[in-house]
């Protein structure tokens, strides 16, 4: 008489990949739906995204490496809340990196590159016309990331993306009005310089733009409590 085999339960299929979860959290930060200081509880996020806690831990560890999330022993993970010193460091880094991106981009300004930049600025203008604040915030930050991607240096592009997200947190912590901190008309002038292959003008316009963003930050304010289910949607 044969012994009945014991069935091994199939592993639970996880709904989202680490990259998909990362992008959803990243966009929530970019759109100012996730505020500095918000606790990112592993268990709650695992339930929301229908994945394991190790999968969430992997994503949070990546954000921590990028300084976008703080991992505090015995307390958990929190959306980073940059200090004034850290904010100054971020802007100093951007003033070094982004003019270099502009020079490289102007040299590589093919019609396809210019069309991509113009299309993005049109999206920004459309979002402003519609009064879609979340889209305005996200697209404003993504303009800088797009420039870095099109410049063709993956290391610069990766660093730029991290700095853009940290800047988003700085704007939130120090109460800068998003519409004033990253203006579409300044983006348009930068694109015109790139289209003309005027590398130095593009670099100088970007420096002026970054100065404008930095000057828009104000006093620190305590962030409000947020509900993770409301942000990502519980299924």
Protein backbone atom coordinates (compact mmCIF):
# COMPACT_ATOMS: atom_id res chain seq x y z
CA UNK A 1 0.00 0.00 0.00
CA UNK A 2 1.52 3.25 -1.11
CA UNK A 3 1.77 6.18 1.22
CA UNK A 4 -0.14 9.17 -0.10
CA UNK A 5 2.19 11.98 -1.07
CA UNK A 6 2.03 15.17 0.90
CA UNK A 7 1.22 18.04 -1.39
CA UNK A 8 3.56 20.99 -1.14
CA UNK A 9 1.57 24.19 -1.23
CA UNK A 10 2.45 26.43 -4.14
CA UNK A 11 4.19 29.63 -3.15
CA UNK A 12 1.93 32.62 -3.00
CA UNK A 13 2.10 34.66 -6.18
CA UNK A 14 3.11 38.19 -5.36
CA UNK A 15 1.16 40.86 -7.18
CA UNK A 16 3.90 43.44 -7.77
CA UNK A 17 7.61 43.20 -8.42
CA UNK A 18 10.10 45.13 -6.32
CA UNK A 19 10.58 47.59 -9.17
CA UNK A 20 6.83 48.21 -9.47
CA UNK A 21 6.50 48.82 -5.73
CA UNK A 22 9.54 51.10 -5.80
CA UNK A 23 8.01 53.15 -8.63
CA UNK A 24 4.65 53.47 -6.88
CA UNK A 25 6.28 54.75 -3.70
CA UNK A 26 8.61 56.98 -5.71
CA UNK A 27 5.70 58.59 -7.58
CA UNK A 28 3.78 59.06 -4.32
CA UNK A 29 6.76 61.01 -2.96
CA UNK A 30 7.12 63.01 -6.18
CA UNK A 31 3.43 63.93 -6.12
CA UNK A 32 3.63 65.01 -2.46
CA UNK A 33 1.22 62.28 -1.35
CA UNK A 34 3.82 60.70 0.92
CA UNK A 35 5.14 63.32 3.30
CA UNK A 36 8.50 63.54 5.08
CA UNK A 37 8.38 61.70 8.39
CA UNK A 38 5.66 59.25 7.27
CA UNK A 39 6.20 55.78 8.73
CA UNK A 40 6.39 53.07 6.06
CA UNK A 41 5.29 50.05 8.05
CA UNK A 42 6.44 46.81 6.41
CA UNK A 43 3.36 44.83 7.43
CA UNK A 44 0.90 47.44 6.17
CA UNK A 45 2.73 47.88 2.87
CA UNK A 46 2.93 44.11 2.41
CA UNK A 47 -0.84 43.89 2.84
CA UNK A 48 -1.48 46.82 0.49
CA UNK A 49 0.75 45.51 -2.31
CA UNK A 50 -0.08 41.83 -1.59
CA UNK A 51 3.57 40.82 -1.33
CA UNK A 52 5.82 39.40 1.38
CA UNK A 53 7.50 41.55 3.99
CA UNK A 54 10.97 40.62 2.64
CA UNK A 55 9.89 42.10 -0.71
CA UNK A 56 8.90 45.35 1.03
CA UNK A 57 12.12 45.30 3.06
CA UNK A 58 14.11 45.03 -0.17
CA UNK A 59 12.41 48.13 -1.57
CA UNK A 60 12.83 50.14 1.64
CA UNK A 61 16.51 49.19 1.80
CA UNK A 62 16.98 50.55 -1.71
CA UNK A 63 15.30 53.82 -0.73
CA UNK A 64 17.47 53.99 2.37
CA UNK A 65 20.61 53.60 0.23
CA UNK A 66 19.37 56.57 -1.81
CA UNK A 67 18.74 58.54 1.45
CA UNK A 68 15.06 58.87 0.59
CA UNK A 69 14.00 56.65 3.50
CA UNK A 70 15.48 56.50 7.01
CA UNK A 71 15.73 53.10 8.71
CA UNK A 72 15.64 53.60 12.47
CA UNK A 73 16.49 50.57 14.66
CA UNK A 74 13.53 49.27 16.69
CA UNK A 75 11.26 51.90 15.13
CA UNK A 76 11.04 51.13 11.42
CA UNK A 77 11.29 52.97 8.11
CA UNK A 78 10.30 56.60 7.62
CA UNK A 79 10.24 58.90 4.61
CA UNK A 80 13.34 61.05 5.02
CA UNK A 81 13.08 64.50 6.52
CA UNK A 82 16.17 66.38 5.28
CA UNK A 83 17.83 68.82 7.65
CA UNK A 84 18.83 72.32 6.57
CA UNK A 85 22.42 71.14 6.20
CA UNK A 86 21.34 68.19 4.07
CA UNK A 87 19.17 70.48 1.95
CA UNK A 88 22.13 72.75 1.27
CA UNK A 89 24.25 69.72 0.38
CA UNK A 90 21.62 68.57 -2.12
CA UNK A 91 21.47 71.93 -3.86
CA UNK A 92 25.26 72.18 -3.89
CA UNK A 93 25.42 68.76 -5.57
CA UNK A 94 22.78 69.75 -8.11
CA UNK A 95 24.67 72.93 -8.99
CA UNK A 96 27.70 70.77 -9.81
CA UNK A 97 25.90 67.97 -11.65
CA UNK A 98 23.13 69.64 -13.64
CA UNK A 99 25.22 72.19 -15.57
CA UNK A 100 27.37 69.25 -16.67
CA UNK A 101 24.22 67.42 -17.77
CA UNK A 102 23.10 70.52 -19.72
CA UNK A 103 26.43 70.80 -21.54
CA UNK A 104 26.38 67.14 -22.45
CA UNK A 105 22.74 67.31 -23.50
CA UNK A 106 23.30 70.38 -25.72
CA UNK A 107 26.07 68.51 -27.52
CA UNK A 108 23.70 65.58 -28.14
CA UNK A 109 20.68 67.69 -29.08
CA UNK A 110 19.32 65.68 -31.99
CA UNK A 111 15.83 66.52 -33.29
CA UNK A 112 14.53 63.47 -31.39
CA UNK A 113 16.04 64.70 -28.12
CA UNK A 114 14.58 68.18 -28.59
CA UNK A 115 11.16 66.75 -29.50
CA UNK A 116 11.16 64.66 -26.30
CA UNK A 117 11.97 67.73 -24.19
CA UNK A 118 9.36 69.89 -25.94
CA UNK A 119 6.73 67.17 -25.50
CA UNK A 120 7.48 67.02 -21.78
CA UNK A 121 7.22 70.81 -21.37
CA UNK A 122 3.88 70.65 -23.23
CA UNK A 123 2.70 68.06 -20.70
CA UNK A 124 3.72 70.39 -17.87
CA UNK A 125 1.83 73.29 -19.45
CA UNK A 126 -1.23 71.08 -19.96
CA UNK A 127 -1.20 69.99 -16.32
CA UNK A 128 -0.98 73.61 -15.19
CA UNK A 129 -3.85 74.58 -17.47
CA UNK A 130 -5.99 71.76 -16.05
CA UNK A 131 -5.04 72.71 -12.50
CA UNK A 132 -3.72 69.17 -11.91
CA UNK A 133 -1.36 69.95 -9.03
CA UNK A 134 -0.10 66.41 -8.56
CA UNK A 135 0.80 66.11 -12.24
CA UNK A 136 2.49 69.52 -12.17
CA UNK A 137 4.65 68.51 -9.21
CA UNK A 138 5.58 65.14 -10.71
CA UNK A 139 6.27 66.44 -14.22
CA UNK A 140 8.36 69.34 -12.92
CA UNK A 141 10.70 66.94 -11.15
CA UNK A 142 10.70 64.50 -14.05
CA UNK A 143 11.92 67.22 -16.44
CA UNK A 144 15.30 67.18 -14.71
CA UNK A 145 15.39 63.38 -14.76
CA UNK A 146 14.51 63.34 -18.46
CA UNK A 147 17.35 65.75 -19.23
CA UNK A 148 19.77 63.46 -17.41
CA UNK A 149 18.43 60.35 -19.21
CA UNK A 150 18.72 62.01 -22.62
CA UNK A 151 22.26 63.20 -21.85
CA UNK A 152 23.26 59.55 -22.02
CA UNK A 153 25.32 59.08 -18.86
CA UNK A 154 23.70 56.42 -16.65
CA UNK A 155 25.67 57.39 -13.55
CA UNK A 156 24.63 61.03 -13.83
CA UNK A 157 21.04 59.96 -14.54
CA UNK A 158 20.89 57.74 -11.44
CA UNK A 159 22.37 60.46 -9.23
CA UNK A 160 20.04 63.08 -10.70
CA UNK A 161 16.98 60.96 -9.94
CA UNK A 162 18.02 60.60 -6.30
CA UNK A 163 18.71 64.34 -5.96
CA UNK A 164 15.36 65.22 -7.57
CA UNK A 165 13.51 63.07 -5.05
CA UNK A 166 15.43 64.54 -2.12
CA UNK A 167 14.61 68.01 -3.46
CA UNK A 168 10.94 67.06 -3.50
CA UNK A 169 11.19 66.18 0.20
CA UNK A 170 13.04 69.42 0.92
CA UNK A 171 10.28 71.42 -0.79
CA UNK A 172 7.72 69.64 1.39
CA UNK A 173 9.63 70.05 4.66
CA UNK A 174 10.40 73.70 4.10
CA UNK A 175 6.99 74.59 2.70
CA UNK A 176 8.00 75.84 -0.75
CA UNK A 177 5.00 76.44 -3.06
CA UNK A 178 5.40 73.79 -5.81
CA UNK A 179 4.14 76.12 -8.55
CA UNK A 180 6.84 78.63 -7.67
CA UNK A 181 9.69 76.25 -6.93
CA UNK A 182 9.95 74.65 -10.39
CA UNK A 183 8.49 76.82 -13.14
CA UNK A 184 7.65 75.53 -16.61
CA UNK A 185 8.67 78.80 -18.31
CA UNK A 186 12.21 78.32 -17.02
CA UNK A 187 12.17 74.79 -18.40
CA UNK A 188 11.13 76.20 -21.78
CA UNK A 189 14.09 78.59 -21.83
CA UNK A 190 16.44 75.74 -21.01
CA UNK A 191 15.02 73.65 -23.86
CA UNK A 192 15.47 76.57 -26.28
CA UNK A 193 19.16 76.80 -25.33
CA UNK A 194 19.58 73.05 -25.78
CA UNK A 195 17.84 73.21 -29.17
CA UNK A 196 20.29 75.93 -30.20
CA UNK A 197 23.16 73.73 -28.95
CA UNK A 198 24.22 76.62 -26.73
CA UNK A 199 25.79 74.53 -23.97
CA UNK A 200 26.96 77.39 -21.77
CA UNK A 201 23.63 79.21 -21.91
CA UNK A 202 21.80 75.99 -21.03
CA UNK A 203 24.18 75.46 -18.09
CA UNK A 204 23.73 79.02 -16.83
CA UNK A 205 19.94 78.87 -17.19
CA UNK A 206 19.92 75.67 -15.16
CA UNK A 207 22.02 77.29 -12.43
CA UNK A 208 19.57 80.21 -12.34
CA UNK A 209 16.68 77.74 -12.18
CA UNK A 210 18.26 75.82 -9.28
CA UNK A 211 18.90 79.09 -7.40
CA UNK A 212 15.22 79.93 -7.85
CA UNK A 213 14.17 76.55 -6.44
CA UNK A 214 16.51 76.85 -3.45
CA UNK A 215 15.30 80.38 -2.64
CA UNK A 216 11.70 79.16 -2.62
CA UNK A 217 12.17 77.03 0.51
CA UNK A 218 10.84 78.53 3.71
CA UNK A 219 10.44 77.55 7.35
CA UNK A 220 10.14 74.00 8.61
CA UNK A 221 6.67 72.63 9.30
CA UNK A 222 5.56 69.41 10.91
CA UNK A 223 4.07 67.00 8.33
CA UNK A 224 0.52 65.75 8.80
CA UNK A 225 -0.33 62.12 9.48
CA UNK A 226 -1.18 60.19 6.33
CA UNK A 227 -2.94 56.89 5.68
CA UNK A 228 -0.97 54.45 3.51
CA UNK A 229 -4.12 52.66 2.36
CA UNK A 230 -5.54 55.95 1.09
CA UNK A 231 -2.35 56.66 -0.87
CA UNK A 232 -1.81 53.30 -2.54
CA UNK A 233 -5.33 51.90 -2.38
CA UNK A 234 -6.12 48.77 -0.42
CA UNK A 235 -7.48 45.91 -2.52
